[in-house]
Amino acid sequence: MSLAPSQPIRPPIPPSTGPAIRTRRKLGNRVNKPYPGWFYAPAAVIYGVLFIAPTLASFYFAFTRWSFAETEFVGFDNFVTFFTEPRLFKGFTNTFIYAVLTSGAKVVLGLLLAIVLTSGIFARGYLRAVIFFPVLVSTVGVGITFKILLDPFDGLVNKALAVIGIQGPGWLTDPSLALLSIAAVDVWKGIGLATLIYIAGIVAIPNEYFEAAKVDGASAWAVFRHITVPMVRPAMITVIILSLIGGLRTFDLIWAMTGGGPGFASDVIASTIYKQYAAGFYGLSTAGNVVLFLVVTAAVLPLYLFLNRKSKDL
């Protein structure tokens, strides 16, 4: 009796396997597919009307000498005037000085305060509220208050210094001190937000890192350098970018405290733009707005890309 040659046994293939796979693929694509294009239309229209259109219009009017009645194309004359007029260029240089001072102080002091306020310090919750409170106060209100406090004759600061035999300087009337004094007030007002961002970054660090460092006998400086700083790098990037943008665009605090004075000692780009607009030089002020837009973009965008690239390399 002959037997059929043996053949490998293969499991039967269900007839529905092919259609089932195709169905799952279709469902998967449908689930992962983003919203339909028309879902973005309302936001795109609002963004275009409120941002893109005014921005393009500003670039056009920056090359004109315009009023509400007529417009005259003048080419690059407004930009040449802006960069060759010493009083206008003073605001350009002051803007960078102010932005570097305020953002640098917020980045460093905010991190130090966050480390203190995440330790076992007494009344930690109360101190956090005290540090953050100035952020909630109106900037104009803060400017007016410190303008009174820093008055060279009747200000409370100089009166307090006189009690201990020190003659206080003209904080807001001395051209060499005015911008620095405003920067100090800006740091006092904005340090709370930087500290809050750092606190969020520190409390997100897994506690196992600190316990392992403690077991290994690492010093406080070693923990700060090798654990805290690398792990809060995303928070640090956020503080740097926000502080730098705020410093480059500052206007309200400076205007409330000195109005750009004495003379033009504390003028920045924004206050210069406002003065030119108030004087009726609309084309020149629009060119200043374009310069401010380009300065903020040129300073912040490369820095943001660089910091994020470094963060990914770690």
C-alpha atoms as a PDB file:
ATOM      1  CA  MET A   1       0.000   0.000   0.000  1.00  0.00           C
ATOM      2  CA  SER A   2       1.611   3.220  -1.131  1.00  0.00           C
ATOM      3  CA  LEU A   3       1.481   6.393   0.905  1.00  0.00           C
ATOM      4  CA  ALA A   4       1.479   9.908  -0.465  1.00  0.00           C
ATOM      5  CA  PRO A   5       4.760  11.767  -0.014  1.00  0.00           C
ATOM      6  CA  SER A   6       4.829  13.839   3.157  1.00  0.00           C
ATOM      7  CA  GLN A   7       4.442  17.618   2.778  1.00  0.00           C
ATOM      8  CA  PRO A   8       4.935  20.361   5.323  1.00  0.00           C
ATOM      9  CA  ILE A   9       1.787  21.219   7.169  1.00  0.00           C
ATOM     10  CA  ARG A  10       0.798  24.885   6.809  1.00  0.00           C
ATOM     11  CA  PRO A  11      -1.809  26.573   8.954  1.00  0.00           C
ATOM     12  CA  PRO A  12      -4.907  27.512   7.053  1.00  0.00           C
ATOM     13  CA  ILE A  13      -5.179  31.162   6.065  1.00  0.00           C
ATOM     14  CA  PRO A  14      -8.530  32.643   6.988  1.00  0.00           C
ATOM     15  CA  PRO A  15     -10.191  34.063   3.941  1.00  0.00           C
ATOM     16  CA  SER A  16     -10.958  37.286   5.762  1.00  0.00           C
ATOM     17  CA  THR A  17      -7.310  38.071   6.637  1.00  0.00           C
ATOM     18  CA  GLY A  18      -6.651  40.271   3.627  1.00  0.00           C
ATOM     19  CA  PRO A  19      -9.810  42.409   3.900  1.00  0.00           C
ATOM     20  CA  ALA A  20      -9.370  42.645   7.661  1.00  0.00           C
ATOM     21  CA  ILE A  21      -5.861  44.025   7.300  1.00  0.00           C
ATOM     22  CA  ARG A  22      -7.029  46.529   4.719  1.00  0.00           C
ATOM     23  CA  THR A  23      -9.891  47.565   6.983  1.00  0.00           C
ATOM     24  CA  ARG A  24      -7.563  48.062   9.950  1.00  0.00           C
ATOM     25  CA  ARG A  25      -5.220  50.131   7.813  1.00  0.00           C
ATOM     26  CA  LYS A  26      -8.074  52.325   6.680  1.00  0.00           C
ATOM     27  CA  LEU A  27      -9.288  52.757  10.247  1.00  0.00           C
ATOM     28  CA  GLY A  28      -5.766  53.485  11.425  1.00  0.00           C
ATOM     29  CA  ASN A  29      -5.251  56.104   8.767  1.00  0.00           C
ATOM     30  CA  ARG A  30      -8.596  57.618   9.615  1.00  0.00           C
ATOM     31  CA  VAL A  31      -7.737  57.789  13.303  1.00  0.00           C
ATOM     32  CA  ASN A  32      -4.250  59.257  12.764  1.00  0.00           C
ATOM     33  CA  LYS A  33      -5.352  61.683  10.087  1.00  0.00           C
ATOM     34  CA  PRO A  34      -5.339  65.321  11.242  1.00  0.00           C
ATOM     35  CA  TYR A  35      -8.413  67.482  11.209  1.00  0.00           C
ATOM     36  CA  PRO A  36      -9.806  68.449   7.805  1.00  0.00           C
ATOM     37  CA  GLY A  37      -8.282  71.553   6.309  1.00  0.00           C
ATOM     38  CA  TRP A  38     -11.370  73.679   6.739  1.00  0.00           C
ATOM     39  CA  PHE A  39     -11.112  73.236  10.531  1.00  0.00           C
ATOM     40  CA  TYR A  40      -8.101  75.552  10.425  1.00  0.00           C
ATOM     41  CA  ALA A  41      -9.819  78.205   8.314  1.00  0.00           C
ATOM     42  CA  PRO A  42     -11.269  80.386  11.136  1.00  0.00           C
ATOM     43  CA  ALA A  43      -7.942  80.564  12.982  1.00  0.00           C
ATOM     44  CA  ALA A  44      -6.092  81.217   9.706  1.00  0.00           C
ATOM     45  CA  VAL A  45      -8.437  84.077   8.822  1.00  0.00           C
ATOM     46  CA  ILE A  46      -8.102  85.682  12.253  1.00  0.00           C
ATOM     47  CA  TYR A  47      -4.310  85.274  12.192  1.00  0.00           C
ATOM     48  CA  GLY A  48      -4.091  86.702   8.700  1.00  0.00           C
ATOM     49  CA  VAL A  49      -6.277  89.724   9.462  1.00  0.00           C
ATOM     50  CA  LEU A  50      -4.759  90.572  12.843  1.00  0.00           C
ATOM     51  CA  PHE A  51      -1.095  89.719  12.208  1.00  0.00           C
ATOM     52  CA  ILE A  52      -0.043  88.994   8.623  1.00  0.00           C
ATOM     53  CA  ALA A  53      -1.937  91.868   6.975  1.00  0.00           C
ATOM     54  CA  PRO A  54      -0.759  94.555   9.464  1.00  0.00           C
ATOM     55  CA  THR A  55       2.797  93.235   9.247  1.00  0.00           C
ATOM     56  CA  LEU A  56       2.865  93.442   5.456  1.00  0.00           C
ATOM     57  CA  ALA A  57       1.243  96.881   5.580  1.00  0.00           C
ATOM     58  CA  SER A  58       3.919  98.048   8.028  1.00  0.00           C
ATOM     59  CA  PHE A  59       6.679  96.891   5.704  1.00  0.00           C
ATOM     60  CA  TYR A  60       5.080  98.910   2.898  1.00  0.00           C
ATOM     61  CA  PHE A  61       4.462 102.099   4.893  1.00  0.00           C
ATOM     62  CA  ALA A  62       8.012 101.957   6.290  1.00  0.00           C
ATOM     63  CA  PHE A  63       9.205 102.974   2.824  1.00  0.00           C
ATOM     64  CA  THR A  64       6.833 105.936   2.611  1.00  0.00           C
ATOM     65  CA  ARG A  65       6.252 109.340   4.115  1.00  0.00           C
ATOM     66  CA  TRP A  66       2.590 109.035   4.932  1.00  0.00           C
ATOM     67  CA  SER A  67      -0.194 110.759   6.770  1.00  0.00           C
ATOM     68  CA  PHE A  68      -3.886 110.034   7.028  1.00  0.00           C
ATOM     69  CA  ALA A  69      -4.446 112.054   3.865  1.00  0.00           C
ATOM     70  CA  GLU A  70      -1.607 111.077   1.491  1.00  0.00           C
ATOM     71  CA  THR A  71       1.301 108.691   0.985  1.00  0.00           C
ATOM     72  CA  GLU A  72       4.664 109.396  -0.681  1.00  0.00           C
ATOM     73  CA  PHE A  73       7.177 106.649  -1.465  1.00  0.00           C
ATOM     74  CA  VAL A  74      10.655 107.605  -0.164  1.00  0.00           C
ATOM     75  CA  GLY A  75      12.541 104.303  -0.372  1.00  0.00           C
ATOM     76  CA  PHE A  76      15.058 103.665   2.399  1.00  0.00           C
ATOM     77  CA  ASP A  77      15.126 107.279   3.628  1.00  0.00           C
ATOM     78  CA  ASN A  78      13.276 106.440   6.848  1.00  0.00           C
ATOM     79  CA  PHE A  79      15.731 103.657   7.714  1.00  0.00           C
ATOM     80  CA  VAL A  80      18.729 105.854   6.893  1.00  0.00           C
ATOM     81  CA  THR A  81      17.354 108.553   9.185  1.00  0.00           C
ATOM     82  CA  PHE A  82      16.679 106.054  11.930  1.00  0.00           C
ATOM     83  CA  PHE A  83      20.240 104.729  11.981  1.00  0.00           C
ATOM     84  CA  THR A  84      22.098 108.000  11.323  1.00  0.00           C
ATOM     85  CA  GLU A  85      20.245 110.263  13.746  1.00  0.00           C
ATOM     86  CA  PRO A  86      22.181 109.950  17.056  1.00  0.00           C
ATOM     87  CA  ARG A  87      19.110 110.422  19.236  1.00  0.00           C
ATOM     88  CA  LEU A  88      17.260 107.663  17.416  1.00  0.00           C
ATOM     89  CA  PHE A  89      20.242 105.299  17.330  1.00  0.00           C
ATOM     90  CA  LYS A  90      20.673 105.814  21.090  1.00  0.00           C
ATOM     91  CA  GLY A  91      17.383 104.006  21.615  1.00  0.00           C
ATOM     92  CA  PHE A  92      18.634 101.152  19.433  1.00  0.00           C
ATOM     93  CA  THR A  93      21.744 100.581  21.567  1.00  0.00           C
ATOM     94  CA  ASN A  94      19.877 101.062  24.847  1.00  0.00           C
ATOM     95  CA  THR A  95      17.446  98.337  23.831  1.00  0.00           C
ATOM     96  CA  PHE A  96      20.187  95.704  23.659  1.00  0.00           C
ATOM     97  CA  ILE A  97      21.795  96.876  26.902  1.00  0.00           C
ATOM     98  CA  TYR A  98      18.459  96.760  28.689  1.00  0.00           C
ATOM     99  CA  ALA A  99      17.491  93.362  27.250  1.00  0.00           C
ATOM    100  CA  VAL A 100      20.825  91.733  28.162  1.00  0.00           C
ATOM    101  CA  LEU A 101      20.821  93.135  31.704  1.00  0.00           C
ATOM    102  CA  THR A 102      17.232  92.225  32.550  1.00  0.00           C
ATOM    103  CA  SER A 103      17.166  88.802  30.901  1.00  0.00           C
ATOM    104  CA  GLY A 104      20.543  87.813  32.358  1.00  0.00           C
ATOM    105  CA  ALA A 105      19.516  88.814  35.870  1.00  0.00           C
ATOM    106  CA  LYS A 106      16.189  86.962  35.616  1.00  0.00           C
ATOM    107  CA  VAL A 107      17.846  83.798  34.345  1.00  0.00           C
ATOM    108  CA  VAL A 108      20.440  83.671  37.137  1.00  0.00           C
ATOM    109  CA  LEU A 109      18.478  85.071  40.091  1.00  0.00           C
ATOM    110  CA  GLY A 110      15.341  83.161  39.142  1.00  0.00           C
ATOM    111  CA  LEU A 111      17.234  79.866  39.257  1.00  0.00           C
ATOM    112  CA  LEU A 112      18.815  80.674  42.630  1.00  0.00           C
ATOM    113  CA  LEU A 113      15.477  81.684  44.133  1.00  0.00           C
ATOM    114  CA  ALA A 114      13.820  78.557  42.737  1.00  0.00           C
ATOM    115  CA  ILE A 115      16.452  76.348  44.380  1.00  0.00           C
ATOM    116  CA  VAL A 116      15.889  78.084  47.720  1.00  0.00           C
ATOM    117  CA  LEU A 117      12.107  77.929  47.429  1.00  0.00           C
ATOM    118  CA  THR A 118      12.115  74.204  46.598  1.00  0.00           C
ATOM    119  CA  SER A 119      14.231  73.352  49.626  1.00  0.00           C
ATOM    120  CA  GLY A 120      12.937  72.805  53.150  1.00  0.00           C
ATOM    121  CA  ILE A 121      13.007  76.509  53.966  1.00  0.00           C
ATOM    122  CA  PHE A 122      10.524  77.829  56.553  1.00  0.00           C
ATOM    123  CA  ALA A 123       7.319  79.470  55.186  1.00  0.00           C
ATOM    124  CA  ARG A 124       8.143  78.268  51.683  1.00  0.00           C
ATOM    125  CA  GLY A 125       4.605  78.748  50.344  1.00  0.00           C
ATOM    126  CA  TYR A 126       4.375  82.290  51.696  1.00  0.00           C
ATOM    127  CA  LEU A 127       7.730  83.257  50.208  1.00  0.00           C
ATOM    128  CA  ARG A 128       6.694  81.892  46.828  1.00  0.00           C
ATOM    129  CA  ALA A 129       3.598  84.092  46.905  1.00  0.00           C
ATOM    130  CA  VAL A 130       5.670  87.137  47.878  1.00  0.00           C
ATOM    131  CA  ILE A 131       8.130  86.562  45.043  1.00  0.00           C
ATOM    132  CA  PHE A 132       5.362  86.111  42.472  1.00  0.00           C
ATOM    133  CA  PHE A 133       3.137  88.991  43.636  1.00  0.00           C
ATOM    134  CA  PRO A 134       4.903  91.774  41.633  1.00  0.00           C
ATOM    135  CA  VAL A 135       4.106  89.889  38.415  1.00  0.00           C
ATOM    136  CA  LEU A 136       0.395  90.471  39.063  1.00  0.00           C
ATOM    137  CA  VAL A 137       0.739  94.221  39.605  1.00  0.00           C
ATOM    138  CA  SER A 138       0.222  96.652  36.719  1.00  0.00           C
ATOM    139  CA  THR A 139       3.487  97.628  35.055  1.00  0.00           C
ATOM    140  CA  VAL A 140       2.426 101.264  34.834  1.00  0.00           C
ATOM    141  CA  GLY A 141       1.501 101.193  38.520  1.00  0.00           C
ATOM    142  CA  VAL A 142       4.912  99.767  39.393  1.00  0.00           C
ATOM    143  CA  GLY A 143       6.612 102.439  37.277  1.00  0.00           C
ATOM    144  CA  ILE A 144       4.746 105.312  38.938  1.00  0.00           C
ATOM    145  CA  THR A 145       5.382 103.878  42.416  1.00  0.00           C
ATOM    146  CA  PHE A 146       9.122 103.526  41.904  1.00  0.00           C
ATOM    147  CA  LYS A 147       9.288 106.924  40.233  1.00  0.00           C
ATOM    148  CA  ILE A 148       8.090 108.379  43.544  1.00  0.00           C
ATOM    149  CA  LEU A 149      10.308 106.125  45.665  1.00  0.00           C
ATOM    150  CA  LEU A 150      13.439 106.974  43.635  1.00  0.00           C
ATOM    151  CA  ASP A 151      12.875 110.722  43.565  1.00  0.00           C
ATOM    152  CA  PRO A 152      16.279 112.299  44.332  1.00  0.00           C
ATOM    153  CA  PHE A 153      14.871 114.795  46.855  1.00  0.00           C
ATOM    154  CA  ASP A 154      11.658 113.443  48.370  1.00  0.00           C
ATOM    155  CA  GLY A 155      11.986 109.747  47.523  1.00  0.00           C
ATOM    156  CA  LEU A 156      11.857 107.224  50.333  1.00  0.00           C
ATOM    157  CA  VAL A 157      14.993 105.432  49.093  1.00  0.00           C
ATOM    158  CA  ASN A 158      17.258 108.480  49.335  1.00  0.00           C
ATOM    159  CA  LYS A 159      15.687 109.501  52.647  1.00  0.00           C
ATOM    160  CA  ALA A 160      16.491 106.067  54.050  1.00  0.00           C
ATOM    161  CA  LEU A 161      20.071 106.370  52.813  1.00  0.00           C
ATOM    162  CA  ALA A 162      20.372 109.825  54.383  1.00  0.00           C
ATOM    163  CA  VAL A 163      19.521 108.344  57.785  1.00  0.00           C
ATOM    164  CA  ILE A 164      22.708 106.266  57.674  1.00  0.00           C
ATOM    165  CA  GLY A 165      24.759 109.154  56.287  1.00  0.00           C
ATOM    166  CA  ILE A 166      24.743 108.276  52.588  1.00  0.00           C
ATOM    167  CA  GLN A 167      23.748 110.825  49.981  1.00  0.00           C
ATOM    168  CA  GLY A 168      21.587 109.041  47.466  1.00  0.00           C
ATOM    169  CA  PRO A 169      22.188 109.670  43.757  1.00  0.00           C
ATOM    170  CA  GLY A 170      19.674 110.810  41.168  1.00  0.00           C
ATOM    171  CA  TRP A 171      18.435 107.347  40.304  1.00  0.00           C
ATOM    172  CA  LEU A 172      16.222 108.532  37.455  1.00  0.00           C
ATOM    173  CA  THR A 173      17.749 111.959  36.774  1.00  0.00           C
ATOM    174  CA  ASP A 174      21.383 110.899  36.300  1.00  0.00           C
ATOM    175  CA  PRO A 175      21.905 109.840  32.636  1.00  0.00           C
ATOM    176  CA  SER A 176      24.379 107.160  33.694  1.00  0.00           C
ATOM    177  CA  LEU A 177      21.973 105.587  36.213  1.00  0.00           C
ATOM    178  CA  ALA A 178      18.519 106.005  34.701  1.00  0.00           C
ATOM    179  CA  LEU A 179      18.533 102.942  32.439  1.00  0.00           C
ATOM    180  CA  LEU A 180      20.166 100.765  35.109  1.00  0.00           C
ATOM    181  CA  SER A 181      17.605 101.843  37.707  1.00  0.00           C
ATOM    182  CA  ILE A 182      14.709 100.960  35.408  1.00  0.00           C
ATOM    183  CA  ALA A 183      16.343  97.614  34.621  1.00  0.00           C
ATOM    184  CA  ALA A 184      16.564  96.851  38.349  1.00  0.00           C
ATOM    185  CA  VAL A 185      12.854  97.594  38.774  1.00  0.00           C
ATOM    186  CA  ASP A 186      12.079  95.406  35.760  1.00  0.00           C
ATOM    187  CA  VAL A 187      14.006  92.519  37.323  1.00  0.00           C
ATOM    188  CA  TRP A 188      12.158  92.999  40.625  1.00  0.00           C
ATOM    189  CA  LYS A 189       8.830  92.857  38.837  1.00  0.00           C
ATOM    190  CA  GLY A 190       9.569  89.956  36.484  1.00  0.00           C
ATOM    191  CA  ILE A 191      11.720  87.703  38.653  1.00  0.00           C
ATOM    192  CA  GLY A 192       8.619  85.981  40.021  1.00  0.00           C
ATOM    193  CA  LEU A 193       7.611  84.522  36.658  1.00  0.00           C
ATOM    194  CA  ALA A 194      11.129  83.227  35.999  1.00  0.00           C
ATOM    195  CA  THR A 195      11.221  81.684  39.480  1.00  0.00           C
ATOM    196  CA  LEU A 196       7.863  80.002  38.946  1.00  0.00           C
ATOM    197  CA  ILE A 197       9.024  78.427  35.677  1.00  0.00           C
ATOM    198  CA  TYR A 198      12.209  77.177  37.336  1.00  0.00           C
ATOM    199  CA  ILE A 199      10.247  75.758  40.288  1.00  0.00           C
ATOM    200  CA  ALA A 200       8.080  73.783  37.871  1.00  0.00           C
ATOM    201  CA  GLY A 201      11.230  72.409  36.242  1.00  0.00           C
ATOM    202  CA  ILE A 202      12.901  71.490  39.543  1.00  0.00           C
ATOM    203  CA  VAL A 203       9.918  69.703  41.079  1.00  0.00           C
ATOM    204  CA  ALA A 204       9.623  67.645  37.876  1.00  0.00           C
ATOM    205  CA  ILE A 205      13.094  66.135  38.426  1.00  0.00           C
ATOM    206  CA  PRO A 206      12.735  62.551  39.716  1.00  0.00           C
ATOM    207  CA  ASN A 207      13.759  62.351  43.365  1.00  0.00           C
ATOM    208  CA  GLU A 208      15.841  59.238  42.662  1.00  0.00           C
ATOM    209  CA  TYR A 209      18.599  61.414  41.177  1.00  0.00           C
ATOM    210  CA  PHE A 210      18.999  63.399  44.385  1.00  0.00           C
ATOM    211  CA  GLU A 211      18.834  60.258  46.542  1.00  0.00           C
ATOM    212  CA  ALA A 212      21.545  58.583  44.468  1.00  0.00           C
ATOM    213  CA  ALA A 213      23.723  61.698  44.716  1.00  0.00           C
ATOM    214  CA  LYS A 214      23.223  61.749  48.480  1.00  0.00           C
ATOM    215  CA  VAL A 215      24.231  58.101  48.772  1.00  0.00           C
ATOM    216  CA  ASP A 216      27.349  58.776  46.703  1.00  0.00           C
ATOM    217  CA  GLY A 217      28.249  61.678  48.986  1.00  0.00           C
ATOM    218  CA  ALA A 218      27.975  64.371  46.308  1.00  0.00           C
ATOM    219  CA  SER A 219      28.343  67.940  47.495  1.00  0.00           C
ATOM    220  CA  ALA A 220      25.631  70.569  47.049  1.00  0.00           C
ATOM    221  CA  TRP A 221      27.625  72.186  44.242  1.00  0.00           C
ATOM    222  CA  ALA A 222      27.996  68.834  42.448  1.00  0.00           C
ATOM    223  CA  VAL A 223      24.249  68.198  42.710  1.00  0.00           C
ATOM    224  CA  PHE A 224      23.531  71.672  41.365  1.00  0.00           C
ATOM    225  CA  ARG A 225      25.991  71.354  38.491  1.00  0.00           C
ATOM    226  CA  HIS A 226      25.396  67.775  37.369  1.00  0.00           C
ATOM    227  CA  ILE A 227      21.718  67.248  38.214  1.00  0.00           C
ATOM    228  CA  THR A 228      19.761  70.452  38.690  1.00  0.00           C
ATOM    229  CA  VAL A 229      21.153  72.554  35.853  1.00  0.00           C
ATOM    230  CA  PRO A 230      20.987  69.854  33.123  1.00  0.00           C
ATOM    231  CA  MET A 231      17.516  68.719  34.180  1.00  0.00           C
ATOM    232  CA  VAL A 232      16.016  72.240  34.257  1.00  0.00           C
ATOM    233  CA  ARG A 233      17.472  73.157  30.886  1.00  0.00           C
ATOM    234  CA  PRO A 234      14.031  73.266  29.165  1.00  0.00           C
ATOM    235  CA  ALA A 235      12.792  75.656  31.842  1.00  0.00           C
ATOM    236  CA  MET A 236      15.942  77.732  31.471  1.00  0.00           C
ATOM    237  CA  ILE A 237      15.415  77.997  27.702  1.00  0.00           C
ATOM    238  CA  THR A 238      11.869  79.224  28.308  1.00  0.00           C
ATOM    239  CA  VAL A 239      13.059  81.862  30.773  1.00  0.00           C
ATOM    240  CA  ILE A 240      15.813  83.053  28.437  1.00  0.00           C
ATOM    241  CA  ILE A 241      13.490  83.422  25.449  1.00  0.00           C
ATOM    242  CA  LEU A 242      10.638  85.091  27.330  1.00  0.00           C
ATOM    243  CA  SER A 243      12.959  87.460  29.206  1.00  0.00           C
ATOM    244  CA  LEU A 244      14.847  88.442  26.062  1.00  0.00           C
ATOM    245  CA  ILE A 245      11.664  89.120  24.094  1.00  0.00           C
ATOM    246  CA  GLY A 246      10.273  91.173  26.975  1.00  0.00           C
ATOM    247  CA  GLY A 247      13.495  93.164  27.272  1.00  0.00           C
ATOM    248  CA  LEU A 248      13.676  93.954  23.559  1.00  0.00           C
ATOM    249  CA  ARG A 249      10.027  95.029  23.425  1.00  0.00           C
ATOM    250  CA  THR A 250       9.914  96.974  26.688  1.00  0.00           C
ATOM    251  CA  PHE A 251       8.094 100.297  26.714  1.00  0.00           C
ATOM    252  CA  ASP A 252       5.513 100.775  29.458  1.00  0.00           C
ATOM    253  CA  LEU A 253       7.856 100.662  32.463  1.00  0.00           C
ATOM    254  CA  ILE A 254      10.371 103.028  30.883  1.00  0.00           C
ATOM    255  CA  TRP A 255       7.666 105.444  29.786  1.00  0.00           C
ATOM    256  CA  ALA A 256       6.036 105.456  33.228  1.00  0.00           C
ATOM    257  CA  MET A 257       9.318 106.062  35.081  1.00  0.00           C
ATOM    258  CA  THR A 258      11.324 108.444  32.878  1.00  0.00           C
ATOM    259  CA  GLY A 259       9.565 108.917  29.542  1.00  0.00           C
ATOM    260  CA  GLY A 260      12.898 108.045  27.935  1.00  0.00           C
ATOM    261  CA  GLY A 261      14.762 110.729  29.863  1.00  0.00           C
ATOM    262  CA  PRO A 262      16.701 112.450  31.131  1.00  0.00           C
ATOM    263  CA  GLY A 263      17.146 113.652  27.581  1.00  0.00           C
ATOM    264  CA  PHE A 264      17.415 110.431  25.588  1.00  0.00           C
ATOM    265  CA  ALA A 265      19.438 108.499  28.174  1.00  0.00           C
ATOM    266  CA  SER A 266      16.827 105.791  28.798  1.00  0.00           C
ATOM    267  CA  ASP A 267      15.158 105.726  25.396  1.00  0.00           C
ATOM    268  CA  VAL A 268      14.649 102.324  23.776  1.00  0.00           C
ATOM    269  CA  ILE A 269      13.332 101.467  20.317  1.00  0.00           C
ATOM    270  CA  ALA A 270       9.716 101.330  21.492  1.00  0.00           C
ATOM    271  CA  SER A 271       9.810 104.727  23.230  1.00  0.00           C
ATOM    272  CA  THR A 272      11.607 106.243  20.230  1.00  0.00           C
ATOM    273  CA  ILE A 273       8.889 104.912  17.944  1.00  0.00           C
ATOM    274  CA  TYR A 274       6.203 106.417  20.165  1.00  0.00           C
ATOM    275  CA  LYS A 275       7.904 109.829  20.246  1.00  0.00           C
ATOM    276  CA  GLN A 276       8.227 109.918  16.465  1.00  0.00           C
ATOM    277  CA  TYR A 277       4.610 108.931  16.008  1.00  0.00           C
ATOM    278  CA  ALA A 278       3.465 111.596  18.504  1.00  0.00           C
ATOM    279  CA  ALA A 279       5.496 114.188  16.564  1.00  0.00           C
ATOM    280  CA  GLY A 280       3.726 113.273  13.319  1.00  0.00           C
ATOM    281  CA  PHE A 281       6.586 111.361  11.651  1.00  0.00           C
ATOM    282  CA  TYR A 282       4.421 108.359  10.845  1.00  0.00           C
ATOM    283  CA  GLY A 283       6.687 106.872   8.178  1.00  0.00           C
ATOM    284  CA  LEU A 284       9.737 107.097  10.448  1.00  0.00           C
ATOM    285  CA  SER A 285       7.874 105.524  13.354  1.00  0.00           C
ATOM    286  CA  THR A 286       6.647 102.716  11.089  1.00  0.00           C
ATOM    287  CA  ALA A 287      10.232 102.080   9.980  1.00  0.00           C
ATOM    288  CA  GLY A 288      11.148 101.863  13.647  1.00  0.00           C
ATOM    289  CA  ASN A 289       8.449  99.236  14.136  1.00  0.00           C
ATOM    290  CA  VAL A 290       9.901  97.212  11.280  1.00  0.00           C
ATOM    291  CA  VAL A 291      13.372  97.526  12.804  1.00  0.00           C
ATOM    292  CA  LEU A 292      12.031  96.344  16.161  1.00  0.00           C
ATOM    293  CA  PHE A 293      10.313  93.367  14.508  1.00  0.00           C
ATOM    294  CA  LEU A 294      13.485  92.388  12.670  1.00  0.00           C
ATOM    295  CA  VAL A 295      15.658  92.861  15.749  1.00  0.00           C
ATOM    296  CA  VAL A 296      13.450  90.637  17.916  1.00  0.00           C
ATOM    297  CA  THR A 297      13.268  87.982  15.190  1.00  0.00           C
ATOM    298  CA  ALA A 298      16.995  88.081  14.425  1.00  0.00           C
ATOM    299  CA  ALA A 299      17.932  87.867  18.106  1.00  0.00           C
ATOM    300  CA  VAL A 300      15.407  85.344  19.386  1.00  0.00           C
ATOM    301  CA  LEU A 301      14.961  82.849  16.541  1.00  0.00           C
ATOM    302  CA  PRO A 302      18.645  81.815  16.136  1.00  0.00           C
ATOM    303  CA  LEU A 303      19.053  81.719  19.921  1.00  0.00           C
ATOM    304  CA  TYR A 304      15.977  79.514  20.262  1.00  0.00           C
ATOM    305  CA  LEU A 305      17.208  77.096  17.593  1.00  0.00           C
ATOM    306  CA  PHE A 306      20.699  77.004  19.096  1.00  0.00           C
ATOM    307  CA  LEU A 307      19.499  76.333  22.649  1.00  0.00           C
ATOM    308  CA  ASN A 308      17.094  73.625  21.548  1.00  0.00           C
ATOM    309  CA  ARG A 309      19.775  71.943  19.453  1.00  0.00           C
ATOM    310  CA  LYS A 310      22.123  71.944  22.429  1.00  0.00           C
ATOM    311  CA  SER A 311      19.336  70.558  24.605  1.00  0.00           C
ATOM    312  CA  LYS A 312      18.819  67.630  22.229  1.00  0.00           C
ATOM    313  CA  ASP A 313      22.540  66.878  22.194  1.00  0.00           C
ATOM    314  CA  LEU A 314      22.645  66.378  25.957  1.00  0.00           C
END
